[in-house]
């Protein structure tokens, strides 16, 4: 009887030890997971901070360059060519891209020294060819994109500030405001990267997304950048031929 009691006591103690060991092990695992989560969160914050610092530095450099841009040429000499290009855009869009939008786009693109056909093709891709100024894009983990240029609410405010424009969410649905933001953003990206593959891929994926794309693919020649440039070149060829 005494031996049975001793055996029972030993078994109980062993169970208690096992339970304590299991509890400690679980606690250690939770602590390790919590520590890993904290490290990952800190890493994500550092990456976001680095990207934000890079963006701010790039924005500052871009703004410093603005006074060096060429003066706009006399309108009397440029207007016929502006109208010719605008008519091309209206015709190509089957009238979905209004003449007043086209005139505005071509004139402003000239001021920023950007090929207007690149911007037009970007707007075409972003809206699926509808050029709908009231378009709301599908939901993503970053939110929705709005308007003809499909800007998100985390991007549009700092671009508007860089452009010296007011910012209100309703303005994202104004086609002229939307086009102006796209021109300023493209000018900024092209100034930063000095090539259209990177500039257009960054427009589509964000500057952080561009880095990931280049890391995965070894280049910035995304379908988005290639399609827009190829179709813009086709417009240029047609206009020059006429």
Protein backbone atom coordinates (compact mmCIF):
# COMPACT_ATOMS: atom_id res chain seq x y z
CA UNK A 1 0.00 0.00 0.00
CA UNK A 2 2.84 2.32 0.89
CA UNK A 3 4.56 1.54 -2.41
CA UNK A 4 1.38 2.31 -4.33
CA UNK A 5 1.04 5.61 -2.52
CA UNK A 6 4.66 6.47 -3.30
CA UNK A 7 4.13 5.52 -6.93
CA UNK A 8 0.97 7.62 -7.07
CA UNK A 9 2.77 10.58 -5.49
CA UNK A 10 5.66 10.23 -7.94
CA UNK A 11 3.22 10.10 -10.87
CA UNK A 12 1.46 13.21 -9.64
CA UNK A 13 4.78 15.00 -9.28
CA UNK A 14 5.81 13.93 -12.76
CA UNK A 15 2.53 15.22 -14.16
CA UNK A 16 3.05 18.50 -12.35
CA UNK A 17 6.60 18.77 -13.70
CA UNK A 18 5.39 17.97 -17.23
CA UNK A 19 2.58 20.52 -16.88
CA UNK A 20 5.02 23.14 -15.63
CA UNK A 21 7.46 22.33 -18.44
CA UNK A 22 4.64 22.49 -21.01
CA UNK A 23 3.43 25.82 -19.61
CA UNK A 24 6.93 27.28 -19.61
CA UNK A 25 7.50 26.01 -23.16
CA UNK A 26 4.22 27.56 -24.32
CA UNK A 27 5.12 30.82 -22.61
CA UNK A 28 8.55 30.79 -24.27
CA UNK A 29 6.97 30.15 -27.67
CA UNK A 30 4.54 33.03 -27.15
CA UNK A 31 7.39 35.28 -26.08
CA UNK A 32 9.46 34.27 -29.10
CA UNK A 33 6.50 34.89 -31.41
CA UNK A 34 5.78 38.24 -29.79
CA UNK A 35 9.46 39.19 -30.15
CA UNK A 36 9.48 38.07 -33.80
CA UNK A 37 6.31 40.07 -34.45
CA UNK A 38 7.85 43.13 -32.81
CA UNK A 39 11.01 42.75 -34.93
CA UNK A 40 8.95 42.42 -38.12
CA UNK A 41 6.82 45.41 -37.18
CA UNK A 42 9.96 47.43 -36.45
CA UNK A 43 11.46 46.32 -39.77
CA UNK A 44 8.28 47.36 -41.62
CA UNK A 45 8.29 50.74 -39.88
CA UNK A 46 11.96 51.26 -40.72
CA UNK A 47 11.30 50.42 -44.37
CA UNK A 48 8.35 52.83 -44.46
CA UNK A 49 10.44 55.50 -42.76
CA UNK A 50 13.30 54.99 -45.22
CA UNK A 51 10.86 55.25 -48.12
CA UNK A 52 9.31 58.40 -46.67
CA UNK A 53 12.75 59.98 -46.14
CA UNK A 54 13.68 59.10 -49.72
CA UNK A 55 10.42 60.58 -51.00
CA UNK A 56 10.89 63.79 -49.02
CA UNK A 57 14.46 64.15 -50.25
CA UNK A 58 13.37 63.49 -53.83
CA UNK A 59 10.54 65.98 -53.49
CA UNK A 60 12.92 68.61 -52.15
CA UNK A 61 15.36 68.00 -55.02
CA UNK A 62 12.51 68.17 -57.53
CA UNK A 63 11.20 71.48 -56.17
CA UNK A 64 14.70 72.98 -56.31
CA UNK A 65 14.86 72.15 -60.01
CA UNK A 66 11.57 73.81 -60.93
CA UNK A 67 12.93 77.36 -61.51
CA UNK A 68 15.34 75.88 -64.07
CA UNK A 69 12.56 74.66 -66.37
CA UNK A 70 12.30 76.30 -69.77
CA UNK A 71 9.95 79.20 -70.32
CA UNK A 72 6.77 78.38 -72.23
CA UNK A 73 6.92 79.31 -75.92
CA UNK A 74 4.65 81.93 -77.45
CA UNK A 75 1.12 80.50 -77.73
CA UNK A 76 0.64 81.79 -81.27
CA UNK A 77 3.32 79.41 -82.47
CA UNK A 78 2.38 76.44 -80.30
CA UNK A 79 -1.42 76.50 -80.48
CA UNK A 80 -1.84 74.88 -83.96
CA UNK A 81 0.33 71.94 -82.90
CA UNK A 82 -1.53 71.68 -79.58
CA UNK A 83 -4.87 71.49 -81.38
CA UNK A 84 -3.54 68.92 -83.85
CA UNK A 85 -2.41 66.63 -81.03
CA UNK A 86 -5.63 67.22 -79.08
CA UNK A 87 -7.73 66.23 -82.09
CA UNK A 88 -5.70 63.06 -82.37
CA UNK A 89 -6.52 62.11 -78.77
CA UNK A 90 -10.23 62.82 -79.14
CA UNK A 91 -10.43 60.76 -82.33
CA UNK A 92 -8.43 57.86 -80.90
CA UNK A 93 -10.70 57.71 -77.83
CA UNK A 94 -13.89 57.65 -79.95
CA UNK A 95 -14.89 60.89 -78.26
CA UNK A 96 -14.56 59.54 -74.70
CA UNK A 97 -11.68 61.94 -74.08
CA UNK A 98 -13.24 65.38 -74.46
CA UNK A 99 -11.66 68.06 -76.67
CA UNK A 100 -11.34 70.47 -73.73
CA UNK A 101 -9.53 67.77 -71.71
CA UNK A 102 -7.24 67.04 -74.64
CA UNK A 103 -6.37 70.70 -75.16
CA UNK A 104 -5.62 71.12 -71.47
CA UNK A 105 -3.51 67.95 -71.34
CA UNK A 106 -1.42 68.77 -74.40
CA UNK A 107 -0.81 72.36 -73.30
CA UNK A 108 0.19 71.41 -69.77
CA UNK A 109 2.34 68.52 -71.00
CA UNK A 110 4.21 71.00 -73.19
CA UNK A 111 4.85 73.13 -70.11
CA UNK A 112 6.33 70.14 -68.25
CA UNK A 113 8.17 68.91 -71.36
CA UNK A 114 6.35 65.58 -71.19
CA UNK A 115 5.04 63.69 -74.21
CA UNK A 116 1.24 64.20 -73.95
CA UNK A 117 0.65 60.79 -75.52
CA UNK A 118 2.37 59.12 -72.56
CA UNK A 119 -0.04 60.82 -70.17
CA UNK A 120 -3.02 60.04 -72.40
CA UNK A 121 -2.12 56.36 -72.61
CA UNK A 122 -1.59 56.26 -68.85
CA UNK A 123 -5.09 57.68 -68.32
CA UNK A 124 -6.43 55.17 -70.82
CA UNK A 125 -4.90 52.23 -68.96
CA UNK A 126 -5.92 53.55 -65.54
CA UNK A 127 -9.58 53.95 -66.59
CA UNK A 128 -9.83 50.93 -68.85
CA UNK A 129 -10.37 53.20 -71.85
CA UNK A 130 -13.42 54.95 -70.35
CA UNK A 131 -11.66 58.15 -69.22
CA UNK A 132 -14.34 58.32 -66.53
CA UNK A 133 -13.45 61.22 -64.16
CA UNK A 134 -15.75 59.73 -61.48
CA UNK A 135 -14.11 56.31 -61.50
CA UNK A 136 -13.50 54.57 -58.15
CA UNK A 137 -11.00 51.75 -58.44
CA UNK A 138 -11.31 48.32 -56.78
CA UNK A 139 -10.50 48.03 -53.09
CA UNK A 140 -6.92 47.13 -52.25
CA UNK A 141 -5.05 46.80 -48.96
CA UNK A 142 -4.10 50.46 -49.42
CA UNK A 143 -7.67 51.61 -50.14
CA UNK A 144 -9.34 52.76 -53.35
CA UNK A 145 -7.96 54.85 -56.19
CA UNK A 146 -10.03 57.77 -57.46
CA UNK A 147 -10.65 59.79 -60.59
CA UNK A 148 -9.23 59.72 -64.08
CA UNK A 149 -5.63 59.40 -62.88
CA UNK A 150 -6.54 56.90 -60.13
CA UNK A 151 -4.78 58.51 -57.20
CA UNK A 152 -5.07 57.10 -53.70
CA UNK A 153 -5.74 59.30 -50.71
CA UNK A 154 -2.32 58.56 -49.23
CA UNK A 155 -0.56 59.81 -52.37
CA UNK A 156 -2.66 62.66 -53.73
CA UNK A 157 -2.20 65.13 -50.83
CA UNK A 158 1.61 65.34 -51.00
CA UNK A 159 1.56 65.56 -54.79
CA UNK A 160 -0.98 68.38 -54.58
CA UNK A 161 1.24 70.11 -52.04
CA UNK A 162 4.25 69.67 -54.30
CA UNK A 163 2.23 71.16 -57.18
CA UNK A 164 1.07 74.12 -55.08
CA UNK A 165 -2.55 72.98 -55.39
CA UNK A 166 -5.27 72.78 -52.74
CA UNK A 167 -6.33 69.29 -51.68
CA UNK A 168 -9.86 68.09 -51.10
CA UNK A 169 -11.05 64.54 -51.76
CA UNK A 170 -13.80 65.82 -54.09
CA UNK A 171 -11.16 67.39 -56.35
CA UNK A 172 -9.88 63.93 -57.29
CA UNK A 173 -12.98 63.63 -59.48
CA UNK A 174 -12.22 66.87 -61.32
CA UNK A 175 -10.65 65.78 -64.65
CA UNK A 176 -8.41 68.85 -64.92
CA UNK A 177 -7.20 68.54 -61.33
CA UNK A 178 -6.63 64.82 -61.82
CA UNK A 179 -4.65 65.35 -65.01
CA UNK A 180 -2.60 68.09 -63.34
CA UNK A 181 -1.66 65.75 -60.50
CA UNK A 182 -0.67 63.05 -62.97
CA UNK A 183 1.56 65.49 -64.88
CA UNK A 184 3.26 66.73 -61.71
CA UNK A 185 3.74 63.19 -60.42
CA UNK A 186 5.11 61.94 -63.74
CA UNK A 187 7.44 64.93 -63.94
CA UNK A 188 8.62 64.21 -60.41
CA UNK A 189 9.18 60.50 -61.11
CA UNK A 190 10.92 61.13 -64.42
CA UNK A 191 13.20 63.68 -62.74
CA UNK A 192 13.97 61.17 -60.00
CA UNK A 193 14.65 58.10 -62.15
CA UNK A 194 15.56 59.75 -65.47
CA UNK A 195 13.90 57.02 -67.52
CA UNK A 196 10.30 56.16 -68.34
CA UNK A 197 10.44 52.47 -67.45
CA UNK A 198 11.11 53.26 -63.81
CA UNK A 199 8.91 56.36 -63.74
CA UNK A 200 5.85 54.59 -65.13
CA UNK A 201 6.34 51.43 -63.08
CA UNK A 202 6.66 53.60 -59.96
CA UNK A 203 3.44 55.43 -60.93
CA UNK A 204 1.68 52.06 -61.18
CA UNK A 205 3.21 50.30 -58.17
CA UNK A 206 4.52 53.11 -56.00
CA UNK A 207 8.19 53.84 -55.38
CA UNK A 208 8.42 50.99 -52.88
CA UNK A 209 6.70 48.69 -55.37
CA UNK A 210 9.22 49.68 -58.03
CA UNK A 211 12.08 48.58 -55.77
CA UNK A 212 10.39 45.22 -55.18
CA UNK A 213 9.72 44.77 -58.90
CA UNK A 214 13.35 45.49 -59.80
CA UNK A 215 14.53 43.16 -57.04
CA UNK A 216 12.34 40.34 -58.36
CA UNK A 217 12.87 40.92 -62.09
CA UNK A 218 16.20 42.68 -62.38
CA UNK A 219 14.69 45.53 -64.40
CA UNK A 220 11.81 48.04 -64.42
CA UNK A 221 10.31 47.10 -67.79
CA UNK A 222 6.82 46.22 -66.53
CA UNK A 223 3.92 45.54 -68.89
CA UNK A 224 2.45 48.87 -67.76
CA UNK A 225 5.52 50.89 -68.73
CA UNK A 226 6.05 49.02 -71.99
CA UNK A 227 2.43 49.29 -73.15
CA UNK A 228 2.16 53.01 -72.44
CA UNK A 229 5.45 53.88 -74.15
CA UNK A 230 4.75 51.70 -77.18
CA UNK A 231 1.30 53.19 -77.77
CA UNK A 232 2.57 56.73 -77.14
CA UNK A 233 5.22 56.15 -79.81
CA UNK A 234 2.52 55.01 -82.24
CA UNK A 235 0.65 58.31 -81.71
CA UNK A 236 3.81 60.29 -82.35
CA UNK A 237 4.49 58.36 -85.56
CA UNK A 238 0.96 58.98 -86.87
CA UNK A 239 1.06 62.70 -86.08
CA UNK A 240 4.47 63.17 -87.69
CA UNK A 241 3.27 61.30 -90.77
CA UNK A 242 0.36 63.71 -91.10
